Full PDB file with SEQRES, HELIX, SHEET, SSBOND, CRYST1, ORIGX, SCALE, CONECT and MASTER records, all heavy atoms in Angstrom:
SEQRES   1 A   35  LEU SER TYR SER VAL LEU ALA GLY ASN HIS ASP VAL ARG          
SEQRES   2 A   35  SER SER THR ASP ASP GLN ARG GLY ASP SER ALA TYR LEU          
SEQRES   3 A   35  ARG ALA PHE GLY PRO ALA ARG TYR ALA                          
HELIX    1 AA1 ASN A    9  VAL A   12  1                                   4    
HELIX    2 AA2 ALA A   24  PHE A   29  1                                   6    
HELIX    3 AA3 PRO A   31  TYR A   34  1                                   4    
CRYST1    1.000    1.000    1.000  90.00  90.00  90.00 P 1           1          
ORIGX1      1.000000  0.000000  0.000000        0.00000                         
ORIGX2      0.000000  1.000000  0.000000        0.00000                         
ORIGX3      0.000000  0.000000  1.000000        0.00000                         
SCALE1      1.000000  0.000000  0.000000        0.00000                         
SCALE2      0.000000  1.000000  0.000000        0.00000                         
SCALE3      0.000000  0.000000  1.000000        0.00000                         
ATOM      1  N   LEU A   1     -18.030  -7.224  -0.290  1.00  0.00           N  
ATOM      2  CA  LEU A   1     -18.157  -5.907   0.350  1.00  0.00           C  
ATOM      3  C   LEU A   1     -17.045  -5.026  -0.162  1.00  0.00           C  
ATOM      4  O   LEU A   1     -15.853  -5.412  -0.100  1.00  0.00           O  
ATOM      5  CB  LEU A   1     -18.074  -6.058   1.885  1.00  0.00           C  
ATOM      6  CG  LEU A   1     -18.105  -4.760   2.688  1.00  0.00           C  
ATOM      7  CD1 LEU A   1     -19.450  -4.036   2.547  1.00  0.00           C  
ATOM      8  CD2 LEU A   1     -17.847  -5.078   4.174  1.00  0.00           C  
ATOM      9  N   SER A   2     -17.391  -3.862  -0.651  1.00  0.00           N  
ATOM     10  CA  SER A   2     -16.353  -2.935  -1.097  1.00  0.00           C  
ATOM     11  C   SER A   2     -15.606  -2.372   0.118  1.00  0.00           C  
ATOM     12  O   SER A   2     -16.163  -2.153   1.187  1.00  0.00           O  
ATOM     13  CB  SER A   2     -16.963  -1.757  -1.873  1.00  0.00           C  
ATOM     14  OG  SER A   2     -17.479  -2.175  -3.106  1.00  0.00           O  
ATOM     15  N   TYR A   3     -14.307  -2.121  -0.066  1.00  0.00           N  
ATOM     16  CA  TYR A   3     -13.482  -1.650   1.050  1.00  0.00           C  
ATOM     17  C   TYR A   3     -12.293  -0.897   0.535  1.00  0.00           C  
ATOM     18  O   TYR A   3     -11.896  -0.971  -0.628  1.00  0.00           O  
ATOM     19  CB  TYR A   3     -13.068  -2.815   1.936  1.00  0.00           C  
ATOM     20  CG  TYR A   3     -12.186  -3.845   1.261  1.00  0.00           C  
ATOM     21  CD1 TYR A   3     -10.770  -3.727   1.281  1.00  0.00           C  
ATOM     22  CD2 TYR A   3     -12.725  -4.964   0.609  1.00  0.00           C  
ATOM     23  CE1 TYR A   3      -9.972  -4.684   0.659  1.00  0.00           C  
ATOM     24  CE2 TYR A   3     -11.909  -5.905   0.002  1.00  0.00           C  
ATOM     25  CZ  TYR A   3     -10.540  -5.768   0.019  1.00  0.00           C  
ATOM     26  OH  TYR A   3      -9.727  -6.685  -0.598  1.00  0.00           O  
ATOM     27  N   SER A   4     -11.660  -0.150   1.470  1.00  0.00           N  
ATOM     28  CA  SER A   4     -10.413   0.502   1.176  1.00  0.00           C  
ATOM     29  C   SER A   4      -9.393   0.118   2.259  1.00  0.00           C  
ATOM     30  O   SER A   4      -9.744  -0.211   3.360  1.00  0.00           O  
ATOM     31  CB  SER A   4     -10.587   2.052   1.193  1.00  0.00           C  
ATOM     32  OG  SER A   4     -10.992   2.499   2.462  1.00  0.00           O  
ATOM     33  N   VAL A   5      -8.126   0.126   1.840  1.00  0.00           N  
ATOM     34  CA  VAL A   5      -7.009  -0.144   2.740  1.00  0.00           C  
ATOM     35  C   VAL A   5      -5.958   0.903   2.430  1.00  0.00           C  
ATOM     36  O   VAL A   5      -5.774   1.293   1.302  1.00  0.00           O  
ATOM     37  CB  VAL A   5      -6.421  -1.539   2.535  1.00  0.00           C  
ATOM     38  CG1 VAL A   5      -5.316  -1.802   3.579  1.00  0.00           C  
ATOM     39  CG2 VAL A   5      -7.534  -2.619   2.654  1.00  0.00           C  
ATOM     40  N   LEU A   6      -5.232   1.359   3.448  1.00  0.00           N  
ATOM     41  CA  LEU A   6      -4.209   2.331   3.275  1.00  0.00           C  
ATOM     42  C   LEU A   6      -2.942   1.857   4.025  1.00  0.00           C  
ATOM     43  O   LEU A   6      -3.052   1.044   4.968  1.00  0.00           O  
ATOM     44  CB  LEU A   6      -4.629   3.707   3.731  1.00  0.00           C  
ATOM     45  CG  LEU A   6      -5.099   3.835   5.179  1.00  0.00           C  
ATOM     46  CD1 LEU A   6      -3.992   4.242   6.124  1.00  0.00           C  
ATOM     47  CD2 LEU A   6      -6.267   4.812   5.276  1.00  0.00           C  
ATOM     48  N   ALA A   7      -1.813   2.320   3.635  1.00  0.00           N  
ATOM     49  CA  ALA A   7      -0.555   1.861   4.233  1.00  0.00           C  
ATOM     50  C   ALA A   7      -0.249   2.633   5.510  1.00  0.00           C  
ATOM     51  O   ALA A   7      -0.303   3.863   5.550  1.00  0.00           O  
ATOM     52  CB  ALA A   7       0.615   2.062   3.227  1.00  0.00           C  
ATOM     53  N   GLY A   8       0.057   1.851   6.577  1.00  0.00           N  
ATOM     54  CA  GLY A   8       0.583   2.413   7.804  1.00  0.00           C  
ATOM     55  C   GLY A   8       2.086   2.266   7.825  1.00  0.00           C  
ATOM     56  O   GLY A   8       2.692   1.615   6.939  1.00  0.00           O  
ATOM     57  N   ASN A   9       2.734   2.823   8.786  1.00  0.00           N  
ATOM     58  CA  ASN A   9       4.195   2.805   8.819  1.00  0.00           C  
ATOM     59  C   ASN A   9       4.754   1.364   8.927  1.00  0.00           C  
ATOM     60  O   ASN A   9       5.802   1.070   8.362  1.00  0.00           O  
ATOM     61  CB  ASN A   9       4.739   3.671   9.973  1.00  0.00           C  
ATOM     62  CG  ASN A   9       4.108   3.311  11.296  1.00  0.00           C  
ATOM     63  OD1 ASN A   9       2.893   3.333  11.421  1.00  0.00           O  
ATOM     64  ND2 ASN A   9       4.921   3.041  12.302  1.00  0.00           N  
ATOM     65  N   HIS A  10       4.035   0.504   9.578  1.00  0.00           N  
ATOM     66  CA  HIS A  10       4.499  -0.900   9.709  1.00  0.00           C  
ATOM     67  C   HIS A  10       4.281  -1.697   8.426  1.00  0.00           C  
ATOM     68  O   HIS A  10       4.893  -2.749   8.266  1.00  0.00           O  
ATOM     69  CB  HIS A  10       3.797  -1.576  10.892  1.00  0.00           C  
ATOM     70  CG  HIS A  10       4.374  -1.175  12.209  1.00  0.00           C  
ATOM     71  ND1 HIS A  10       5.231  -2.000  12.930  1.00  0.00           N  
ATOM     72  CD2 HIS A  10       4.228  -0.060  12.938  1.00  0.00           C  
ATOM     73  CE1 HIS A  10       5.559  -1.371  14.059  1.00  0.00           C  
ATOM     74  NE2 HIS A  10       4.964  -0.195  14.095  1.00  0.00           N  
ATOM     75  N   ASP A  11       3.436  -1.209   7.530  1.00  0.00           N  
ATOM     76  CA  ASP A  11       3.167  -1.928   6.300  1.00  0.00           C  
ATOM     77  C   ASP A  11       4.302  -1.683   5.293  1.00  0.00           C  
ATOM     78  O   ASP A  11       4.554  -2.550   4.403  1.00  0.00           O  
ATOM     79  CB  ASP A  11       1.851  -1.534   5.713  1.00  0.00           C  
ATOM     80  CG  ASP A  11       0.673  -1.916   6.597  1.00  0.00           C  
ATOM     81  OD1 ASP A  11       0.676  -3.036   7.137  1.00  0.00           O  
ATOM     82  OD2 ASP A  11      -0.235  -1.047   6.778  1.00  0.00           O  
ATOM     83  N   VAL A  12       4.925  -0.548   5.337  1.00  0.00           N  
ATOM     84  CA  VAL A  12       5.931  -0.211   4.344  1.00  0.00           C  
ATOM     85  C   VAL A  12       7.323  -0.107   4.931  1.00  0.00           C  
ATOM     86  O   VAL A  12       8.323  -0.085   4.237  1.00  0.00           O  
ATOM     87  CB  VAL A  12       5.581   1.085   3.593  1.00  0.00           C  
ATOM     88  CG1 VAL A  12       4.366   0.860   2.720  1.00  0.00           C  
ATOM     89  CG2 VAL A  12       5.306   2.247   4.579  1.00  0.00           C  
ATOM     90  N   ARG A  13       7.405  -0.044   6.302  1.00  0.00           N  
ATOM     91  CA  ARG A  13       8.702  -0.012   7.000  1.00  0.00           C  
ATOM     92  C   ARG A  13       9.653   0.977   6.367  1.00  0.00           C  
ATOM     93  O   ARG A  13      10.795   0.687   6.088  1.00  0.00           O  
ATOM     94  CB  ARG A  13       9.315  -1.415   7.043  1.00  0.00           C  
ATOM     95  CG  ARG A  13       8.466  -2.470   7.641  1.00  0.00           C  
ATOM     96  CD  ARG A  13       8.022  -2.156   9.058  1.00  0.00           C  
ATOM     97  NE  ARG A  13       9.181  -2.185   9.973  1.00  0.00           N  
ATOM     98  CZ  ARG A  13       9.105  -1.832  11.262  1.00  0.00           C  
ATOM     99  NH1 ARG A  13       7.935  -1.408  11.760  1.00  0.00           N  
ATOM    100  NH2 ARG A  13      10.136  -1.930  12.042  1.00  0.00           N  
ATOM    101  N   SER A  14       9.128   2.122   6.115  1.00  0.00           N  
ATOM    102  CA  SER A  14       9.937   3.150   5.425  1.00  0.00           C  
ATOM    103  C   SER A  14       9.544   4.509   5.924  1.00  0.00           C  
ATOM    104  O   SER A  14       8.347   4.799   6.143  1.00  0.00           O  
ATOM    105  CB  SER A  14       9.710   3.068   3.919  1.00  0.00           C  
ATOM    106  OG  SER A  14      10.290   4.175   3.276  1.00  0.00           O  
ATOM    107  N   SER A  15      10.499   5.349   6.139  1.00  0.00           N  
ATOM    108  CA  SER A  15      10.208   6.728   6.595  1.00  0.00           C  
ATOM    109  C   SER A  15       9.886   7.627   5.417  1.00  0.00           C  
ATOM    110  O   SER A  15       9.590   8.819   5.600  1.00  0.00           O  
ATOM    111  CB  SER A  15      11.412   7.316   7.340  1.00  0.00           C  
ATOM    112  OG  SER A  15      12.570   7.321   6.516  1.00  0.00           O  
ATOM    113  N   THR A  16       9.978   7.130   4.202  1.00  0.00           N  
ATOM    114  CA  THR A  16       9.683   7.942   3.039  1.00  0.00           C  
ATOM    115  C   THR A  16       8.201   8.080   2.818  1.00  0.00           C  
ATOM    116  O   THR A  16       7.380   7.382   3.428  1.00  0.00           O  
ATOM    117  CB  THR A  16      10.335   7.335   1.755  1.00  0.00           C  
ATOM    118  OG1 THR A  16       9.795   6.006   1.589  1.00  0.00           O  
ATOM    119  CG2 THR A  16      11.811   7.242   1.929  1.00  0.00           C  
ATOM    120  N   ASP A  17       7.823   8.992   1.951  1.00  0.00           N  
ATOM    121  CA  ASP A  17       6.421   9.224   1.700  1.00  0.00           C  
ATOM    122  C   ASP A  17       5.927   8.302   0.624  1.00  0.00           C  
ATOM    123  O   ASP A  17       6.579   7.279   0.254  1.00  0.00           O  
ATOM    124  CB  ASP A  17       6.183  10.677   1.360  1.00  0.00           C  
ATOM    125  CG  ASP A  17       6.964  11.176   0.159  1.00  0.00           C  
ATOM    126  OD1 ASP A  17       7.289  10.323  -0.729  1.00  0.00           O  
ATOM    127  OD2 ASP A  17       7.268  12.385   0.067  1.00  0.00           O  
ATOM    128  N   ASP A  18       4.761   8.634   0.037  1.00  0.00           N  
ATOM    129  CA  ASP A  18       4.095   7.752  -0.937  1.00  0.00           C  
ATOM    130  C   ASP A  18       4.832   7.652  -2.269  1.00  0.00           C  
ATOM    131  O   ASP A  18       4.372   6.959  -3.183  1.00  0.00           O  
ATOM    132  CB  ASP A  18       2.646   8.160  -1.153  1.00  0.00           C  
ATOM    133  CG  ASP A  18       2.511   9.624  -1.590  1.00  0.00           C  
ATOM    134  OD1 ASP A  18       3.531  10.229  -2.007  1.00  0.00           O  
ATOM    135  OD2 ASP A  18       1.400  10.148  -1.488  1.00  0.00           O  
ATOM    136  N   GLN A  19       5.969   8.317  -2.365  1.00  0.00           N  
ATOM    137  CA  GLN A  19       6.779   8.192  -3.592  1.00  0.00           C  
ATOM    138  C   GLN A  19       7.878   7.128  -3.414  1.00  0.00           C  
ATOM    139  O   GLN A  19       8.838   7.068  -4.162  1.00  0.00           O  
ATOM    140  CB  GLN A  19       7.413   9.528  -3.922  1.00  0.00           C  
ATOM    141  CG  GLN A  19       6.387  10.657  -4.145  1.00  0.00           C  
ATOM    142  CD  GLN A  19       5.387  10.326  -5.183  1.00  0.00           C  
ATOM    143  OE1 GLN A  19       5.739  10.050  -6.353  1.00  0.00           O  
ATOM    144  NE2 GLN A  19       4.089  10.349  -4.841  1.00  0.00           N  
ATOM    145  N   ARG A  20       7.652   6.216  -2.444  1.00  0.00           N  
ATOM    146  CA  ARG A  20       8.675   5.228  -2.107  1.00  0.00           C  
ATOM    147  C   ARG A  20       8.847   4.132  -3.145  1.00  0.00           C  
ATOM    148  O   ARG A  20       9.811   3.372  -3.136  1.00  0.00           O  
ATOM    149  CB  ARG A  20       8.313   4.564  -0.764  1.00  0.00           C  
ATOM    150  CG  ARG A  20       7.030   3.747  -0.768  1.00  0.00           C  
ATOM    151  CD  ARG A  20       6.635   3.202   0.592  1.00  0.00           C  
ATOM    152  NE  ARG A  20       6.347   4.246   1.556  1.00  0.00           N  
ATOM    153  CZ  ARG A  20       5.114   4.732   1.733  1.00  0.00           C  
ATOM    154  NH1 ARG A  20       4.112   4.331   0.991  1.00  0.00           N  
ATOM    155  NH2 ARG A  20       4.929   5.684   2.628  1.00  0.00           N  
ATOM    156  N   GLY A  21       7.885   4.012  -4.060  1.00  0.00           N  
ATOM    157  CA  GLY A  21       8.005   2.994  -5.093  1.00  0.00           C  
ATOM    158  C   GLY A  21       7.396   1.681  -4.714  1.00  0.00           C  
ATOM    159  O   GLY A  21       6.522   1.566  -3.866  1.00  0.00           O  
ATOM    160  N   ASP A  22       7.885   0.603  -5.312  1.00  0.00           N  
ATOM    161  CA  ASP A  22       7.289  -0.735  -5.138  1.00  0.00           C  
ATOM    162  C   ASP A  22       7.463  -1.210  -3.699  1.00  0.00           C  
ATOM    163  O   ASP A  22       8.394  -0.833  -2.991  1.00  0.00           O  
ATOM    164  CB  ASP A  22       7.946  -1.708  -6.106  1.00  0.00           C  
ATOM    165  CG  ASP A  22       7.220  -3.057  -6.136  1.00  0.00           C  
ATOM    166  OD1 ASP A  22       5.975  -3.048  -5.898  1.00  0.00           O  
ATOM    167  OD2 ASP A  22       7.893  -4.054  -6.361  1.00  0.00           O  
ATOM    168  N   SER A  23       6.515  -2.075  -3.274  1.00  0.00           N  
ATOM    169  CA  SER A  23       6.567  -2.709  -1.931  1.00  0.00           C  
ATOM    170  C   SER A  23       5.655  -3.919  -1.948  1.00  0.00           C  
ATOM    171  O   SER A  23       4.764  -4.048  -2.807  1.00  0.00           O  
ATOM    172  CB  SER A  23       6.162  -1.728  -0.850  1.00  0.00           C  
ATOM    173  OG  SER A  23       4.773  -1.407  -0.991  1.00  0.00           O  
ATOM    174  N   ALA A  24       5.883  -4.796  -0.988  1.00  0.00           N  
ATOM    175  CA  ALA A  24       5.024  -5.935  -0.861  1.00  0.00           C  
ATOM    176  C   ALA A  24       3.595  -5.494  -0.602  1.00  0.00           C  
ATOM    177  O   ALA A  24       2.626  -6.056  -1.135  1.00  0.00           O  
ATOM    178  CB  ALA A  24       5.517  -6.846   0.300  1.00  0.00           C  
ATOM    179  N   TYR A  25       3.453  -4.416   0.200  1.00  0.00           N  
ATOM    180  CA  TYR A  25       2.123  -3.860   0.471  1.00  0.00           C  
ATOM    181  C   TYR A  25       1.445  -3.428  -0.829  1.00  0.00           C  
ATOM    182  O   TYR A  25       0.290  -3.745  -1.084  1.00  0.00           O  
ATOM    183  CB  TYR A  25       2.212  -2.675   1.416  1.00  0.00           C  
ATOM    184  CG  TYR A  25       0.911  -1.913   1.490  1.00  0.00           C  
ATOM    185  CD1 TYR A  25      -0.107  -2.323   2.361  1.00  0.00           C  
ATOM    186  CD2 TYR A  25       0.669  -0.821   0.652  1.00  0.00           C  
ATOM    187  CE1 TYR A  25      -1.323  -1.660   2.384  1.00  0.00           C  
ATOM    188  CE2 TYR A  25      -0.546  -0.159   0.694  1.00  0.00           C  
ATOM    189  CZ  TYR A  25      -1.525  -0.580   1.539  1.00  0.00           C  
ATOM    190  OH  TYR A  25      -2.704   0.077   1.582  1.00  0.00           O  
ATOM    191  N   LEU A  26       2.174  -2.674  -1.650  1.00  0.00           N  
ATOM    192  CA  LEU A  26       1.556  -2.152  -2.884  1.00  0.00           C  
ATOM    193  C   LEU A  26       1.152  -3.269  -3.807  1.00  0.00           C  
ATOM    194  O   LEU A  26       0.140  -3.185  -4.494  1.00  0.00           O  
ATOM    195  CB  LEU A  26       2.551  -1.212  -3.585  1.00  0.00           C  
ATOM    196  CG  LEU A  26       2.016  -0.413  -4.774  1.00  0.00           C  
ATOM    197  CD1 LEU A  26       0.838   0.475  -4.314  1.00  0.00           C  
ATOM    198  CD2 LEU A  26       3.106   0.426  -5.397  1.00  0.00           C  
ATOM    199  N   ARG A  27       1.955  -4.335  -3.862  1.00  0.00           N  
ATOM    200  CA  ARG A  27       1.602  -5.464  -4.768  1.00  0.00           C  
ATOM    201  C   ARG A  27       0.334  -6.161  -4.274  1.00  0.00           C  
ATOM    202  O   ARG A  27      -0.432  -6.675  -5.101  1.00  0.00           O  
ATOM    203  CB  ARG A  27       2.773  -6.426  -4.875  1.00  0.00           C  
ATOM    204  CG  ARG A  27       3.963  -5.855  -5.617  1.00  0.00           C  
ATOM    205  CD  ARG A  27       5.019  -6.903  -5.933  1.00  0.00           C  
ATOM    206  NE  ARG A  27       5.648  -7.426  -4.718  1.00  0.00           N  
ATOM    207  CZ  ARG A  27       6.698  -6.859  -4.125  1.00  0.00           C  
ATOM    208  NH1 ARG A  27       7.245  -5.746  -4.624  1.00  0.00           N  
ATOM    209  NH2 ARG A  27       7.242  -7.404  -3.052  1.00  0.00           N  
ATOM    210  N   ALA A  28       0.089  -6.197  -2.974  1.00  0.00           N  
ATOM    211  CA  ALA A  28      -1.063  -6.902  -2.465  1.00  0.00           C  
ATOM    212  C   ALA A  28      -2.278  -5.987  -2.291  1.00  0.00           C  
ATOM    213  O   ALA A  28      -3.433  -6.395  -2.508  1.00  0.00           O  
ATOM    214  CB  ALA A  28      -0.743  -7.558  -1.088  1.00  0.00           C  
ATOM    215  N   PHE A  29      -2.050  -4.725  -1.903  1.00  0.00           N  
ATOM    216  CA  PHE A  29      -3.168  -3.818  -1.586  1.00  0.00           C  
ATOM    217  C   PHE A  29      -3.134  -2.560  -2.438  1.00  0.00           C  
ATOM    218  O   PHE A  29      -3.696  -1.533  -2.064  1.00  0.00           O  
ATOM    219  CB  PHE A  29      -3.136  -3.452  -0.095  1.00  0.00           C  
ATOM    220  CG  PHE A  29      -3.468  -4.619   0.799  1.00  0.00           C  
ATOM    221  CD1 PHE A  29      -2.474  -5.274   1.474  1.00  0.00           C  
ATOM    222  CD2 PHE A  29      -4.787  -5.015   1.005  1.00  0.00           C  
ATOM    223  CE1 PHE A  29      -2.766  -6.366   2.322  1.00  0.00           C  
ATOM    224  CE2 PHE A  29      -5.088  -6.072   1.806  1.00  0.00           C  
ATOM    225  CZ  PHE A  29      -4.071  -6.773   2.469  1.00  0.00           C  
ATOM    226  N   GLY A  30      -2.535  -2.656  -3.602  1.00  0.00           N  
ATOM    227  CA  GLY A  30      -2.534  -1.543  -4.558  1.00  0.00           C  
ATOM    228  C   GLY A  30      -3.848  -1.474  -5.318  1.00  0.00           C  
ATOM    229  O   GLY A  30      -4.775  -2.252  -5.091  1.00  0.00           O  
ATOM    230  N   PRO A  31      -3.897  -0.567  -6.282  1.00  0.00           N  
ATOM    231  CA  PRO A  31      -5.148  -0.296  -7.031  1.00  0.00           C  
ATOM    232  C   PRO A  31      -5.738  -1.523  -7.693  1.00  0.00           C  
ATOM    233  O   PRO A  31      -6.975  -1.627  -7.820  1.00  0.00           O  
ATOM    234  CB  PRO A  31      -4.706   0.713  -8.081  1.00  0.00           C  
ATOM    235  CG  PRO A  31      -3.547   1.385  -7.506  1.00  0.00           C  
ATOM    236  CD  PRO A  31      -2.820   0.356  -6.710  1.00  0.00           C  
ATOM    237  N   ALA A  32      -4.897  -2.485  -8.118  1.00  0.00           N  
ATOM    238  CA  ALA A  32      -5.439  -3.656  -8.803  1.00  0.00           C  
ATOM    239  C   ALA A  32      -6.403  -4.428  -7.922  1.00  0.00           C  
ATOM    240  O   ALA A  32      -7.335  -5.082  -8.424  1.00  0.00           O  
ATOM    241  CB  ALA A  32      -4.295  -4.557  -9.256  1.00  0.00           C  
ATOM    242  N   ARG A  33      -6.204  -4.395  -6.585  1.00  0.00           N  
ATOM    243  CA  ARG A  33      -7.078  -5.108  -5.705  1.00  0.00           C  
ATOM    244  C   ARG A  33      -8.482  -4.583  -5.732  1.00  0.00           C  
ATOM    245  O   ARG A  33      -9.458  -5.315  -5.510  1.00  0.00           O  
ATOM    246  CB  ARG A  33      -6.525  -5.086  -4.272  1.00  0.00           C  
ATOM    247  CG  ARG A  33      -7.318  -5.949  -3.305  1.00  0.00           C  
ATOM    248  CD  ARG A  33      -6.691  -6.192  -1.985  1.00  0.00           C  
ATOM    249  NE  ARG A  33      -7.252  -7.378  -1.401  1.00  0.00           N  
ATOM    250  CZ  ARG A  33      -6.603  -8.523  -1.213  1.00  0.00           C  
ATOM    251  NH1 ARG A  33      -5.320  -8.611  -1.554  1.00  0.00           N  
ATOM    252  NH2 ARG A  33      -7.211  -9.578  -0.695  1.00  0.00           N  
ATOM    253  N   TYR A  34      -8.658  -3.315  -5.975  1.00  0.00           N  
ATOM    254  CA  TYR A  34      -9.991  -2.707  -5.865  1.00  0.00           C  
ATOM    255  C   TYR A  34     -10.656  -2.501  -7.240  1.00  0.00           C  
ATOM    256  O   TYR A  34     -11.816  -2.060  -7.278  1.00  0.00           O  
ATOM    257  CB  TYR A  34      -9.852  -1.297  -5.219  1.00  0.00           C  
ATOM    258  CG  TYR A  34      -8.939  -1.289  -4.021  1.00  0.00           C  
ATOM    259  CD1 TYR A  34      -7.719  -0.612  -4.071  1.00  0.00           C  
ATOM    260  CD2 TYR A  34      -9.252  -1.986  -2.879  1.00  0.00           C  
ATOM    261  CE1 TYR A  34      -6.854  -0.597  -2.978  1.00  0.00           C  
ATOM    262  CE2 TYR A  34      -8.381  -2.008  -1.773  1.00  0.00           C  
ATOM    263  CZ  TYR A  34      -7.171  -1.308  -1.832  1.00  0.00           C  
ATOM    264  OH  TYR A  34      -6.338  -1.330  -0.767  1.00  0.00           O  
ATOM    265  N   ALA A  35      -9.975  -2.867  -8.273  1.00  0.00           N  
ATOM    266  CA  ALA A  35     -10.441  -2.549  -9.608  1.00  0.00           C  
ATOM    267  C   ALA A  35     -11.828  -3.071  -9.920  1.00  0.00           C  
ATOM    268  O   ALA A  35     -12.607  -2.420 -10.666  1.00  0.00           O  
ATOM    269  CB  ALA A  35      -9.450  -3.036 -10.644  1.00  0.00           C  
TER     270      ALA A  35                                                      
MASTER        0    0    0    3    0    0    0    6  269    1    0    3          
END                                                                             
């Protein structure tokens, strides 16, 4: 089943915006997951 996931504040534990760089979230739920 195709799906999308987006980062919540608890997933990145950062007050910065989407320019925060690498994260455990991005490595698991980044673009490569949906390719």
